[in-house]
Amino acid sequence: MGGYFFTPNWSLEVAGAVPLWLNIKITGFSATPPFSGASLSKLLPGAVPITGVYHFTQLGALQPYLGAGIVPSFQFAVEDGFNTGGFFAPTVGLVAQAGSDYMFNRNWGVFLDVKKLFIWSTGKSTGLDFGPPIGTISAAATIKTTFQPWLFSTGVTYRF
Protein backbone atom coordinates (compact mmCIF):
# COMPACT_ATOMS: atom_id res chain seq x y z
CA MET A 1 0.00 0.00 0.00
CA GLY A 2 1.31 3.43 -0.83
CA GLY A 3 0.01 6.93 -0.80
CA TYR A 4 0.73 10.58 -1.31
CA PHE A 5 -0.47 13.48 0.89
CA PHE A 6 -1.50 16.56 -1.09
CA THR A 7 -2.32 18.46 2.12
CA PRO A 8 -2.11 17.43 5.80
CA ASN A 9 -5.68 16.09 5.50
CA TRP A 10 -6.04 14.82 1.90
CA SER A 11 -4.20 11.89 0.35
CA LEU A 12 -4.38 9.49 -2.59
CA GLU A 13 -3.82 5.81 -1.80
CA VAL A 14 -3.14 2.78 -4.01
CA ALA A 15 -3.30 -0.73 -2.53
CA GLY A 16 -2.67 -4.27 -3.69
CA ALA A 17 -2.57 -7.74 -2.13
CA VAL A 18 -2.12 -11.44 -2.81
CA PRO A 19 -5.40 -12.72 -4.33
CA LEU A 20 -7.42 -15.77 -3.27
CA TRP A 21 -9.26 -18.11 -5.65
CA LEU A 22 -13.00 -17.36 -6.01
CA ASN A 23 -15.45 -20.16 -6.69
CA ILE A 24 -18.30 -18.84 -8.88
CA LYS A 25 -21.44 -20.88 -8.14
CA ILE A 26 -25.09 -20.97 -9.20
CA THR A 27 -27.33 -19.46 -6.53
CA GLY A 28 -31.09 -19.87 -6.37
CA PHE A 29 -33.21 -22.60 -8.00
CA SER A 30 -32.27 -24.16 -11.33
CA ALA A 31 -34.47 -26.92 -12.80
CA THR A 32 -31.95 -27.75 -15.55
CA PRO A 33 -28.17 -28.11 -15.49
CA PRO A 34 -26.23 -26.46 -14.03
CA PHE A 35 -28.14 -27.03 -10.79
CA SER A 36 -28.10 -24.80 -7.73
CA GLY A 37 -24.68 -24.86 -6.03
CA ALA A 38 -22.83 -26.01 -9.17
CA SER A 39 -19.41 -24.44 -9.72
CA LEU A 40 -19.41 -22.48 -12.98
CA SER A 41 -15.68 -21.67 -12.80
CA LYS A 42 -12.92 -20.55 -10.48
CA LEU A 43 -11.29 -17.15 -10.84
CA LEU A 44 -8.02 -15.74 -9.49
CA PRO A 45 -8.81 -12.00 -9.47
CA GLY A 46 -6.55 -9.01 -9.27
CA ALA A 47 -7.84 -5.74 -7.85
CA VAL A 48 -6.09 -2.41 -7.23
CA PRO A 49 -8.13 -0.06 -5.01
CA ILE A 50 -7.37 3.63 -5.67
CA THR A 51 -8.91 5.94 -3.08
CA GLY A 52 -9.09 9.60 -2.19
CA VAL A 53 -8.77 9.77 1.61
CA TYR A 54 -9.63 12.45 4.16
CA HIS A 55 -7.59 12.25 7.42
CA PHE A 56 -9.03 13.75 10.62
CA THR A 57 -5.89 15.26 12.19
CA GLN A 58 -7.63 17.18 15.01
CA LEU A 59 -7.21 14.27 17.50
CA GLY A 60 -3.43 14.43 17.84
CA ALA A 61 -1.67 11.06 17.48
CA LEU A 62 -4.90 9.19 16.62
CA GLN A 63 -5.84 10.10 13.03
CA PRO A 64 -8.95 8.31 11.70
CA TYR A 65 -9.70 8.54 7.99
CA LEU A 66 -12.43 7.90 5.42
CA GLY A 67 -12.00 7.32 1.72
CA ALA A 68 -13.73 6.33 -1.51
CA GLY A 69 -12.63 5.61 -5.03
CA ILE A 70 -12.38 3.11 -7.85
CA VAL A 71 -11.04 -0.43 -8.05
CA PRO A 72 -9.79 -1.64 -11.45
CA SER A 73 -9.97 -5.44 -11.51
CA PHE A 74 -8.73 -8.13 -13.87
CA GLN A 75 -8.05 -11.87 -13.96
CA PHE A 76 -4.79 -13.68 -13.30
CA ALA A 77 -6.29 -17.09 -14.14
CA VAL A 78 -9.60 -18.92 -14.73
CA GLU A 79 -10.20 -22.64 -14.03
CA ASP A 80 -12.99 -24.55 -15.76
CA GLY A 81 -16.09 -25.72 -13.90
CA PHE A 82 -19.43 -26.25 -15.63
CA ASN A 83 -18.31 -23.51 -18.01
CA THR A 84 -15.13 -24.24 -19.99
CA GLY A 85 -12.78 -21.93 -21.89
CA GLY A 86 -13.69 -19.04 -19.63
CA PHE A 87 -12.53 -15.42 -19.68
CA PHE A 88 -13.54 -12.48 -17.48
CA ALA A 89 -13.20 -9.00 -18.93
CA PRO A 90 -11.33 -6.34 -16.93
CA THR A 91 -13.72 -3.99 -15.15
CA VAL A 92 -13.77 -1.01 -12.79
CA GLY A 93 -15.76 -1.12 -9.56
CA LEU A 94 -16.17 1.07 -6.48
CA VAL A 95 -14.42 1.03 -3.09
CA ALA A 96 -15.24 2.53 0.32
CA GLN A 97 -12.52 2.79 2.98
CA ALA A 98 -12.18 3.58 6.69
CA GLY A 99 -9.30 3.28 9.10
CA SER A 100 -6.99 5.00 11.50
CA ASP A 101 -3.34 5.92 11.83
CA TYR A 102 -1.72 6.17 15.24
CA MET A 103 1.38 8.33 14.86
CA PHE A 104 4.27 7.84 17.33
CA ASN A 105 6.05 10.92 15.97
CA ARG A 106 5.98 13.08 12.82
CA ASN A 107 7.14 10.21 10.56
CA TRP A 108 6.37 6.84 12.20
CA GLY A 109 3.07 5.21 13.12
CA VAL A 110 0.84 2.18 12.75
CA PHE A 111 -2.45 1.81 10.87
CA LEU A 112 -5.58 -0.33 10.78
CA ASP A 113 -7.58 -0.22 7.55
CA VAL A 114 -10.77 -1.76 6.13
CA LYS A 115 -12.05 -1.53 2.56
CA LYS A 116 -15.30 -2.75 1.00
CA LEU A 117 -15.08 -3.49 -2.74
CA PHE A 118 -18.06 -3.50 -5.12
CA ILE A 119 -17.12 -5.22 -8.39
CA TRP A 120 -19.50 -6.37 -11.13
CA SER A 121 -17.96 -8.62 -13.75
CA THR A 122 -19.02 -10.37 -16.93
CA GLY A 123 -17.41 -13.58 -18.09
CA LYS A 124 -17.68 -15.55 -21.29
CA SER A 125 -17.07 -19.23 -21.99
CA THR A 126 -16.81 -21.37 -25.09
CA GLY A 127 -18.19 -24.66 -23.74
CA LEU A 128 -20.38 -26.41 -21.19
CA ASP A 129 -19.23 -29.51 -19.28
CA PHE A 130 -22.20 -31.81 -18.58
CA GLY A 131 -19.93 -34.57 -17.26
CA PRO A 132 -20.21 -38.25 -18.21
CA PRO A 133 -21.70 -39.51 -20.47
CA ILE A 134 -22.31 -36.26 -22.41
CA GLY A 135 -19.00 -34.46 -21.72
CA THR A 136 -18.15 -30.98 -22.94
CA ILE A 137 -20.13 -29.42 -25.76
CA SER A 138 -19.29 -26.22 -27.63
CA ALA A 139 -21.61 -23.40 -26.64
CA ALA A 140 -21.26 -19.71 -25.95
CA ALA A 141 -22.26 -18.70 -22.42
CA THR A 142 -22.17 -15.53 -20.37
CA ILE A 143 -21.60 -15.31 -16.61
CA LYS A 144 -22.58 -12.15 -14.72
CA THR A 145 -21.23 -12.04 -11.18
CA THR A 146 -20.91 -9.66 -8.25
CA PHE A 147 -17.79 -9.66 -6.07
CA GLN A 148 -18.05 -7.68 -2.80
CA PRO A 149 -15.22 -8.62 -0.42
CA TRP A 150 -14.07 -6.89 2.74
CA LEU A 151 -10.31 -6.22 2.86
CA PHE A 152 -8.62 -5.80 6.25
CA SER A 153 -5.03 -4.66 6.66
CA THR A 154 -2.69 -3.37 9.31
CA GLY A 155 0.91 -2.26 9.25
CA VAL A 156 3.56 0.35 9.87
CA THR A 157 3.22 3.88 8.52
CA TYR A 158 6.12 6.04 7.44
CA ARG A 159 5.55 9.60 6.23
CA PHE A 160 8.35 11.40 4.40
C-alpha atoms as a PDB file:
ATOM      1  CA  MET A   1       0.000   0.000   0.000  1.00  0.00           C
ATOM      2  CA  GLY A   2       1.307   3.428  -0.829  1.00  0.00           C
ATOM      3  CA  GLY A   3       0.006   6.934  -0.800  1.00  0.00           C
ATOM      4  CA  TYR A   4       0.731  10.583  -1.309  1.00  0.00           C
ATOM      5  CA  PHE A   5      -0.466  13.477   0.887  1.00  0.00           C
ATOM      6  CA  PHE A   6      -1.504  16.562  -1.093  1.00  0.00           C
ATOM      7  CA  THR A   7      -2.323  18.458   2.121  1.00  0.00           C
ATOM      8  CA  PRO A   8      -2.110  17.428   5.802  1.00  0.00           C
ATOM      9  CA  ASN A   9      -5.684  16.089   5.500  1.00  0.00           C
ATOM     10  CA  TRP A  10      -6.042  14.824   1.897  1.00  0.00           C
ATOM     11  CA  SER A  11      -4.197  11.887   0.351  1.00  0.00           C
ATOM     12  CA  LEU A  12      -4.383   9.491  -2.585  1.00  0.00           C
ATOM     13  CA  GLU A  13      -3.820   5.807  -1.803  1.00  0.00           C
ATOM     14  CA  VAL A  14      -3.142   2.784  -4.011  1.00  0.00           C
ATOM     15  CA  ALA A  15      -3.296  -0.729  -2.529  1.00  0.00           C
ATOM     16  CA  GLY A  16      -2.665  -4.274  -3.686  1.00  0.00           C
ATOM     17  CA  ALA A  17      -2.575  -7.736  -2.127  1.00  0.00           C
ATOM     18  CA  VAL A  18      -2.124 -11.435  -2.814  1.00  0.00           C
ATOM     19  CA  PRO A  19      -5.404 -12.721  -4.327  1.00  0.00           C
ATOM     20  CA  LEU A  20      -7.422 -15.770  -3.274  1.00  0.00           C
ATOM     21  CA  TRP A  21      -9.257 -18.113  -5.651  1.00  0.00           C
ATOM     22  CA  LEU A  22     -12.997 -17.365  -6.011  1.00  0.00           C
ATOM     23  CA  ASN A  23     -15.451 -20.165  -6.694  1.00  0.00           C
ATOM     24  CA  ILE A  24     -18.303 -18.843  -8.881  1.00  0.00           C
ATOM     25  CA  LYS A  25     -21.439 -20.878  -8.144  1.00  0.00           C
ATOM     26  CA  ILE A  26     -25.091 -20.975  -9.195  1.00  0.00           C
ATOM     27  CA  THR A  27     -27.334 -19.456  -6.531  1.00  0.00           C
ATOM     28  CA  GLY A  28     -31.085 -19.872  -6.372  1.00  0.00           C
ATOM     29  CA  PHE A  29     -33.207 -22.598  -7.996  1.00  0.00           C
ATOM     30  CA  SER A  30     -32.270 -24.156 -11.333  1.00  0.00           C
ATOM     31  CA  ALA A  31     -34.474 -26.921 -12.802  1.00  0.00           C
ATOM     32  CA  THR A  32     -31.953 -27.749 -15.553  1.00  0.00           C
ATOM     33  CA  PRO A  33     -28.168 -28.110 -15.489  1.00  0.00           C
ATOM     34  CA  PRO A  34     -26.231 -26.457 -14.031  1.00  0.00           C
ATOM     35  CA  PHE A  35     -28.144 -27.034 -10.788  1.00  0.00           C
ATOM     36  CA  SER A  36     -28.104 -24.805  -7.728  1.00  0.00           C
ATOM     37  CA  GLY A  37     -24.682 -24.863  -6.032  1.00  0.00           C
ATOM     38  CA  ALA A  38     -22.829 -26.011  -9.167  1.00  0.00           C
ATOM     39  CA  SER A  39     -19.413 -24.440  -9.722  1.00  0.00           C
ATOM     40  CA  LEU A  40     -19.406 -22.477 -12.984  1.00  0.00           C
ATOM     41  CA  SER A  41     -15.682 -21.672 -12.805  1.00  0.00           C
ATOM     42  CA  LYS A  42     -12.916 -20.548 -10.476  1.00  0.00           C
ATOM     43  CA  LEU A  43     -11.292 -17.145 -10.839  1.00  0.00           C
ATOM     44  CA  LEU A  44      -8.024 -15.739  -9.486  1.00  0.00           C
ATOM     45  CA  PRO A  45      -8.811 -12.001  -9.467  1.00  0.00           C
ATOM     46  CA  GLY A  46      -6.550  -9.012  -9.266  1.00  0.00           C
ATOM     47  CA  ALA A  47      -7.837  -5.736  -7.850  1.00  0.00           C
ATOM     48  CA  VAL A  48      -6.087  -2.408  -7.228  1.00  0.00           C
ATOM     49  CA  PRO A  49      -8.133  -0.055  -5.012  1.00  0.00           C
ATOM     50  CA  ILE A  50      -7.367   3.627  -5.670  1.00  0.00           C
ATOM     51  CA  THR A  51      -8.911   5.944  -3.081  1.00  0.00           C
ATOM     52  CA  GLY A  52      -9.085   9.598  -2.192  1.00  0.00           C
ATOM     53  CA  VAL A  53      -8.771   9.766   1.606  1.00  0.00           C
ATOM     54  CA  TYR A  54      -9.629  12.452   4.164  1.00  0.00           C
ATOM     55  CA  HIS A  55      -7.591  12.246   7.425  1.00  0.00           C
ATOM     56  CA  PHE A  56      -9.026  13.752  10.620  1.00  0.00           C
ATOM     57  CA  THR A  57      -5.887  15.265  12.188  1.00  0.00           C
ATOM     58  CA  GLN A  58      -7.626  17.176  15.014  1.00  0.00           C
ATOM     59  CA  LEU A  59      -7.214  14.272  17.500  1.00  0.00           C
ATOM     60  CA  GLY A  60      -3.429  14.431  17.837  1.00  0.00           C
ATOM     61  CA  ALA A  61      -1.665  11.062  17.479  1.00  0.00           C
ATOM     62  CA  LEU A  62      -4.898   9.187  16.624  1.00  0.00           C
ATOM     63  CA  GLN A  63      -5.839  10.102  13.032  1.00  0.00           C
ATOM     64  CA  PRO A  64      -8.952   8.308  11.704  1.00  0.00           C
ATOM     65  CA  TYR A  65      -9.704   8.543   7.991  1.00  0.00           C
ATOM     66  CA  LEU A  66     -12.430   7.897   5.419  1.00  0.00           C
ATOM     67  CA  GLY A  67     -11.999   7.318   1.716  1.00  0.00           C
ATOM     68  CA  ALA A  68     -13.726   6.325  -1.509  1.00  0.00           C
ATOM     69  CA  GLY A  69     -12.626   5.606  -5.033  1.00  0.00           C
ATOM     70  CA  ILE A  70     -12.379   3.114  -7.846  1.00  0.00           C
ATOM     71  CA  VAL A  71     -11.043  -0.425  -8.051  1.00  0.00           C
ATOM     72  CA  PRO A  72      -9.787  -1.639 -11.448  1.00  0.00           C
ATOM     73  CA  SER A  73      -9.967  -5.443 -11.509  1.00  0.00           C
ATOM     74  CA  PHE A  74      -8.733  -8.130 -13.869  1.00  0.00           C
ATOM     75  CA  GLN A  75      -8.045 -11.867 -13.957  1.00  0.00           C
ATOM     76  CA  PHE A  76      -4.793 -13.680 -13.299  1.00  0.00           C
ATOM     77  CA  ALA A  77      -6.292 -17.090 -14.137  1.00  0.00           C
ATOM     78  CA  VAL A  78      -9.597 -18.924 -14.727  1.00  0.00           C
ATOM     79  CA  GLU A  79     -10.203 -22.637 -14.028  1.00  0.00           C
ATOM     80  CA  ASP A  80     -12.989 -24.547 -15.762  1.00  0.00           C
ATOM     81  CA  GLY A  81     -16.085 -25.717 -13.904  1.00  0.00           C
ATOM     82  CA  PHE A  82     -19.432 -26.249 -15.634  1.00  0.00           C
ATOM     83  CA  ASN A  83     -18.307 -23.505 -18.009  1.00  0.00           C
ATOM     84  CA  THR A  84     -15.129 -24.235 -19.995  1.00  0.00           C
ATOM     85  CA  GLY A  85     -12.781 -21.933 -21.895  1.00  0.00           C
ATOM     86  CA  GLY A  86     -13.692 -19.036 -19.633  1.00  0.00           C
ATOM     87  CA  PHE A  87     -12.526 -15.423 -19.683  1.00  0.00           C
ATOM     88  CA  PHE A  88     -13.537 -12.478 -17.477  1.00  0.00           C
ATOM     89  CA  ALA A  89     -13.201  -8.999 -18.932  1.00  0.00           C
ATOM     90  CA  PRO A  90     -11.333  -6.336 -16.932  1.00  0.00           C
ATOM     91  CA  THR A  91     -13.719  -3.988 -15.147  1.00  0.00           C
ATOM     92  CA  VAL A  92     -13.769  -1.007 -12.793  1.00  0.00           C
ATOM     93  CA  GLY A  93     -15.764  -1.120  -9.557  1.00  0.00           C
ATOM     94  CA  LEU A  94     -16.167   1.074  -6.483  1.00  0.00           C
ATOM     95  CA  VAL A  95     -14.424   1.030  -3.093  1.00  0.00           C
ATOM     96  CA  ALA A  96     -15.235   2.532   0.317  1.00  0.00           C
ATOM     97  CA  GLN A  97     -12.524   2.786   2.978  1.00  0.00           C
ATOM     98  CA  ALA A  98     -12.175   3.575   6.692  1.00  0.00           C
ATOM     99  CA  GLY A  99      -9.301   3.281   9.103  1.00  0.00           C
ATOM    100  CA  SER A 100      -6.995   5.004  11.495  1.00  0.00           C
ATOM    101  CA  ASP A 101      -3.340   5.920  11.831  1.00  0.00           C
ATOM    102  CA  TYR A 102      -1.721   6.173  15.241  1.00  0.00           C
ATOM    103  CA  MET A 103       1.383   8.330  14.858  1.00  0.00           C
ATOM    104  CA  PHE A 104       4.270   7.839  17.328  1.00  0.00           C
ATOM    105  CA  ASN A 105       6.047  10.916  15.974  1.00  0.00           C
ATOM    106  CA  ARG A 106       5.981  13.079  12.821  1.00  0.00           C
ATOM    107  CA  ASN A 107       7.144  10.214  10.564  1.00  0.00           C
ATOM    108  CA  TRP A 108       6.372   6.839  12.196  1.00  0.00           C
ATOM    109  CA  GLY A 109       3.072   5.213  13.120  1.00  0.00           C
ATOM    110  CA  VAL A 110       0.839   2.177  12.751  1.00  0.00           C
ATOM    111  CA  PHE A 111      -2.449   1.807  10.865  1.00  0.00           C
ATOM    112  CA  LEU A 112      -5.583  -0.327  10.780  1.00  0.00           C
ATOM    113  CA  ASP A 113      -7.582  -0.220   7.548  1.00  0.00           C
ATOM    114  CA  VAL A 114     -10.771  -1.757   6.129  1.00  0.00           C
ATOM    115  CA  LYS A 115     -12.054  -1.534   2.563  1.00  0.00           C
ATOM    116  CA  LYS A 116     -15.305  -2.749   0.999  1.00  0.00           C
ATOM    117  CA  LEU A 117     -15.082  -3.490  -2.740  1.00  0.00           C
ATOM    118  CA  PHE A 118     -18.060  -3.503  -5.124  1.00  0.00           C
ATOM    119  CA  ILE A 119     -17.121  -5.222  -8.393  1.00  0.00           C
ATOM    120  CA  TRP A 120     -19.501  -6.368 -11.133  1.00  0.00           C
ATOM    121  CA  SER A 121     -17.959  -8.620 -13.748  1.00  0.00           C
ATOM    122  CA  THR A 122     -19.023 -10.373 -16.925  1.00  0.00           C
ATOM    123  CA  GLY A 123     -17.412 -13.582 -18.090  1.00  0.00           C
ATOM    124  CA  LYS A 124     -17.679 -15.547 -21.293  1.00  0.00           C
ATOM    125  CA  SER A 125     -17.070 -19.231 -21.987  1.00  0.00           C
ATOM    126  CA  THR A 126     -16.813 -21.373 -25.091  1.00  0.00           C
ATOM    127  CA  GLY A 127     -18.186 -24.655 -23.745  1.00  0.00           C
ATOM    128  CA  LEU A 128     -20.378 -26.405 -21.190  1.00  0.00           C
ATOM    129  CA  ASP A 129     -19.229 -29.506 -19.279  1.00  0.00           C
ATOM    130  CA  PHE A 130     -22.196 -31.806 -18.579  1.00  0.00           C
ATOM    131  CA  GLY A 131     -19.929 -34.566 -17.259  1.00  0.00           C
ATOM    132  CA  PRO A 132     -20.215 -38.246 -18.209  1.00  0.00           C
ATOM    133  CA  PRO A 133     -21.700 -39.513 -20.468  1.00  0.00           C
ATOM    134  CA  ILE A 134     -22.307 -36.261 -22.406  1.00  0.00           C
ATOM    135  CA  GLY A 135     -18.997 -34.463 -21.716  1.00  0.00           C
ATOM    136  CA  THR A 136     -18.154 -30.983 -22.943  1.00  0.00           C
ATOM    137  CA  ILE A 137     -20.132 -29.420 -25.760  1.00  0.00           C
ATOM    138  CA  SER A 138     -19.285 -26.225 -27.630  1.00  0.00           C
ATOM    139  CA  ALA A 139     -21.606 -23.397 -26.642  1.00  0.00           C
ATOM    140  CA  ALA A 140     -21.265 -19.708 -25.949  1.00  0.00           C
ATOM    141  CA  ALA A 141     -22.263 -18.704 -22.423  1.00  0.00           C
ATOM    142  CA  THR A 142     -22.171 -15.527 -20.365  1.00  0.00           C
ATOM    143  CA  ILE A 143     -21.605 -15.312 -16.608  1.00  0.00           C
ATOM    144  CA  LYS A 144     -22.575 -12.151 -14.716  1.00  0.00           C
ATOM    145  CA  THR A 145     -21.226 -12.045 -11.184  1.00  0.00           C
ATOM    146  CA  THR A 146     -20.908  -9.660  -8.250  1.00  0.00           C
ATOM    147  CA  PHE A 147     -17.785  -9.657  -6.071  1.00  0.00           C
ATOM    148  CA  GLN A 148     -18.050  -7.684  -2.804  1.00  0.00           C
ATOM    149  CA  PRO A 149     -15.224  -8.621  -0.422  1.00  0.00           C
ATOM    150  CA  TRP A 150     -14.068  -6.886   2.744  1.00  0.00           C
ATOM    151  CA  LEU A 151     -10.313  -6.223   2.858  1.00  0.00           C
ATOM    152  CA  PHE A 152      -8.619  -5.801   6.246  1.00  0.00           C
ATOM    153  CA  SER A 153      -5.032  -4.659   6.662  1.00  0.00           C
ATOM    154  CA  THR A 154      -2.686  -3.369   9.311  1.00  0.00           C
ATOM    155  CA  GLY A 155       0.913  -2.262   9.247  1.00  0.00           C
ATOM    156  CA  VAL A 156       3.555   0.348   9.871  1.00  0.00           C
ATOM    157  CA  THR A 157       3.218   3.885   8.521  1.00  0.00           C
ATOM    158  CA  TYR A 158       6.123   6.041   7.435  1.00  0.00           C
ATOM    159  CA  ARG A 159       5.551   9.598   6.228  1.00  0.00           C
ATOM    160  CA  PHE A 160       8.353  11.397   4.396  1.00  0.00           C
END
